[in-house]
Protein backbone atom coordinates (compact mmCIF):
# COMPACT_ATOMS: atom_id res chain seq x y z
CA UNK A 1 -36.98 -57.84 96.52
CA UNK A 2 -33.97 -59.61 94.65
CA UNK A 3 -31.07 -57.65 93.56
CA UNK A 4 -27.64 -58.35 92.21
CA UNK A 5 -24.27 -56.87 93.21
CA UNK A 6 -20.79 -57.79 92.25
CA UNK A 7 -18.74 -60.09 94.18
CA UNK A 8 -16.60 -59.40 97.28
CA UNK A 9 -14.54 -61.30 99.37
CA UNK A 10 -16.90 -60.98 102.27
CA UNK A 11 -19.49 -63.11 100.36
CA UNK A 12 -17.29 -66.17 99.87
CA UNK A 13 -18.78 -68.53 102.34
CA UNK A 14 -22.38 -68.09 101.00
CA UNK A 15 -21.15 -68.01 97.27
CA UNK A 16 -19.12 -70.91 97.74
CA UNK A 17 -21.96 -72.76 99.21
CA UNK A 18 -24.36 -72.14 96.53
CA UNK A 19 -21.75 -72.87 93.98
CA UNK A 20 -20.45 -76.06 95.75
CA UNK A 21 -23.88 -77.37 96.29
CA UNK A 22 -24.38 -77.38 92.42
CA UNK A 23 -20.90 -79.36 92.04
CA UNK A 24 -21.60 -81.85 94.55
CA UNK A 25 -24.95 -82.61 93.11
CA UNK A 26 -23.23 -83.55 89.78
CA UNK A 27 -25.96 -82.69 87.62
CA UNK A 28 -25.28 -79.47 86.13
CA UNK A 29 -21.52 -78.13 86.23
CA UNK A 30 -18.84 -79.94 84.58
CA UNK A 31 -16.67 -79.30 87.70
CA UNK A 32 -16.13 -82.46 90.18
CA UNK A 33 -14.38 -81.03 92.97
CA UNK A 34 -15.96 -78.29 95.36
CA UNK A 35 -13.74 -75.30 95.85
CA UNK A 36 -12.00 -74.30 99.04
CA UNK A 37 -12.48 -70.81 100.22
CA UNK A 38 -9.21 -69.58 98.73
CA UNK A 39 -9.82 -71.58 95.47
CA UNK A 40 -13.33 -69.86 95.26
CA UNK A 41 -12.04 -66.38 95.88
CA UNK A 42 -9.48 -66.96 93.14
CA UNK A 43 -12.12 -68.46 90.64
CA UNK A 44 -14.67 -65.80 91.51
CA UNK A 45 -12.31 -62.74 91.41
CA UNK A 46 -10.80 -64.32 88.26
CA UNK A 47 -13.90 -63.95 86.33
CA UNK A 48 -14.77 -60.76 84.02
CA UNK A 49 -17.57 -60.35 86.33
CA UNK A 50 -19.25 -62.44 88.99
CA UNK A 51 -22.63 -61.41 89.92
CA UNK A 52 -24.11 -62.17 93.44
CA UNK A 53 -27.98 -62.19 93.81
CA UNK A 54 -29.38 -61.31 97.31
CA UNK A 55 -32.52 -60.36 99.03
CA UNK A 56 -32.40 -56.74 99.63
CA UNK A 57 -34.58 -57.34 102.75
CA UNK A 58 -32.28 -59.43 104.79
CA UNK A 59 -28.96 -59.56 102.53
CA UNK A 60 -29.34 -63.33 102.21
CA UNK A 61 -27.19 -64.42 99.18
CA UNK A 62 -29.59 -66.49 96.77
CA UNK A 63 -27.79 -66.88 93.88
CA UNK A 64 -24.44 -66.49 91.67
CA UNK A 65 -23.41 -66.11 88.30
CA UNK A 66 -20.03 -65.86 86.37
CA UNK A 67 -19.31 -64.08 83.18
CA UNK A 68 -15.98 -64.41 80.97
CA UNK A 69 -14.80 -64.51 77.48
CA UNK A 70 -16.02 -67.96 75.82
CA UNK A 71 -13.21 -67.83 73.15
CA UNK A 72 -9.95 -65.79 72.52
CA UNK A 73 -9.04 -63.49 69.65
CA UNK A 74 -11.44 -63.29 66.57
CA UNK A 75 -14.27 -64.76 68.73
CA UNK A 76 -13.43 -62.75 72.06
CA UNK A 77 -16.83 -60.91 71.60
CA UNK A 78 -18.72 -64.27 72.70
CA UNK A 79 -19.18 -64.67 76.37
CA UNK A 80 -20.00 -67.45 78.34
CA UNK A 81 -21.87 -67.58 81.65
CA UNK A 82 -22.77 -70.14 84.49
CA UNK A 83 -25.81 -69.97 86.86
CA UNK A 84 -26.49 -71.19 90.24
CA UNK A 85 -29.45 -70.39 92.63
CA UNK A 86 -29.39 -71.49 96.07
CA UNK A 87 -30.95 -74.63 96.96
CA UNK A 88 -34.55 -74.00 98.63
CA UNK A 89 -34.72 -70.83 96.76
CA UNK A 90 -35.35 -72.56 93.14
CA UNK A 91 -38.52 -71.84 91.31
CA UNK A 92 -38.87 -68.16 92.82
CA UNK A 93 -37.72 -66.14 89.64
CA UNK A 94 -34.00 -65.64 90.88
CA UNK A 95 -32.76 -67.52 87.74
CA UNK A 96 -34.66 -64.97 85.48
CA UNK A 97 -33.14 -62.01 87.47
CA UNK A 98 -29.53 -63.46 87.18
CA UNK A 99 -29.80 -64.35 83.51
CA UNK A 100 -31.16 -60.86 82.78
CA UNK A 101 -28.40 -59.24 84.85
CA UNK A 102 -25.64 -61.24 83.15
CA UNK A 103 -26.96 -60.36 79.81
CA UNK A 104 -26.82 -56.51 80.87
CA UNK A 105 -23.11 -56.94 82.34
CA UNK A 106 -22.06 -58.69 79.09
CA UNK A 107 -23.31 -55.72 77.12
CA UNK A 108 -21.54 -53.38 79.50
CA UNK A 109 -18.43 -55.41 79.07
CA UNK A 110 -18.56 -55.27 75.07
CA UNK A 111 -19.62 -58.86 74.38
CA UNK A 112 -21.75 -59.25 71.38
CA UNK A 113 -22.93 -62.85 72.03
CA UNK A 114 -23.63 -64.80 75.23
CA UNK A 115 -23.27 -68.59 74.96
CA UNK A 116 -24.18 -71.24 77.21
CA UNK A 117 -22.01 -74.46 76.82
CA UNK A 118 -23.54 -77.28 78.58
CA UNK A 119 -27.11 -76.91 79.62
CA UNK A 120 -28.18 -80.37 80.72
CA UNK A 121 -31.01 -81.85 78.53
CA UNK A 122 -32.64 -82.88 81.67
CA UNK A 123 -32.65 -79.52 83.27
CA UNK A 124 -36.16 -78.63 82.29
CA UNK A 125 -36.30 -75.49 84.50
CA UNK A 126 -33.39 -73.93 82.98
CA UNK A 127 -34.43 -74.96 79.29
CA UNK A 128 -37.96 -73.29 79.88
CA UNK A 129 -36.17 -70.27 81.35
CA UNK A 130 -33.71 -69.81 78.61
CA UNK A 131 -36.43 -70.28 75.92
CA UNK A 132 -38.28 -67.36 77.68
CA UNK A 133 -35.21 -65.03 77.91
CA UNK A 134 -34.89 -65.62 74.02
CA UNK A 135 -31.94 -67.77 73.99
CA UNK A 136 -31.65 -69.98 70.87
CA UNK A 137 -30.72 -73.71 71.37
CA UNK A 138 -28.13 -75.07 69.09
CA UNK A 139 -28.93 -78.63 69.16
CA UNK A 140 -28.29 -81.65 71.40
CA UNK A 141 -24.68 -83.00 71.90
CA UNK A 142 -25.16 -86.69 72.69
CA UNK A 143 -23.73 -88.08 75.77
CA UNK A 144 -21.53 -84.92 76.24
CA UNK A 145 -22.02 -84.59 80.23
CA UNK A 146 -21.19 -87.37 82.73
CA UNK A 147 -23.52 -87.37 85.72
CA UNK A 148 -22.23 -87.86 89.22
CA UNK A 149 -23.63 -91.25 89.09
CA UNK A 150 -21.77 -92.15 85.92
CA UNK A 151 -24.75 -91.95 83.50
CA UNK A 152 -24.09 -89.88 80.38
CA UNK A 153 -26.81 -87.33 79.02
CA UNK A 154 -27.04 -84.84 76.23
CA UNK A 155 -26.09 -81.19 76.50
CA UNK A 156 -27.92 -78.38 74.53
CA UNK A 157 -25.72 -75.20 74.01
CA UNK A 158 -27.47 -72.02 73.69
CA UNK A 159 -26.75 -68.53 72.41
CA UNK A 160 -28.25 -65.05 72.41
CA UNK A 161 -27.14 -62.16 70.29
CA UNK A 162 -26.80 -59.25 72.61
């Protein structure tokens, strides 16, 4: 059974490994340079909330998400999230669990809207999941994401009213 807990420093090696794998793949996150352990701690602790998905049977960490304000001031009720599932564990429903948890945590922190800024157009599993979870696509932004190989592709921002 997959559960979600708040990040703590003892999780950093596994959380960094999951996050950095997505960064190194260069097909989903805008970040280009993987985190060191110290940078990862600062980053994950600096979020409004960092959720860590783990298997309750063996404590294996299998996913992570970050939650933080997307804007300031008059738009500070809109949050942003990013999700990462451990390589080899994708397609097992972990994404659904962490997206759902992020929506719950966003509500708990007083956010009214959750926005995903940069859903890559070629990420069919993510697009299908966000549709199933009720997020609305906002249209494509042409060539807004530069893949690791230097090719550009569209992003499709999404949102949901919480």
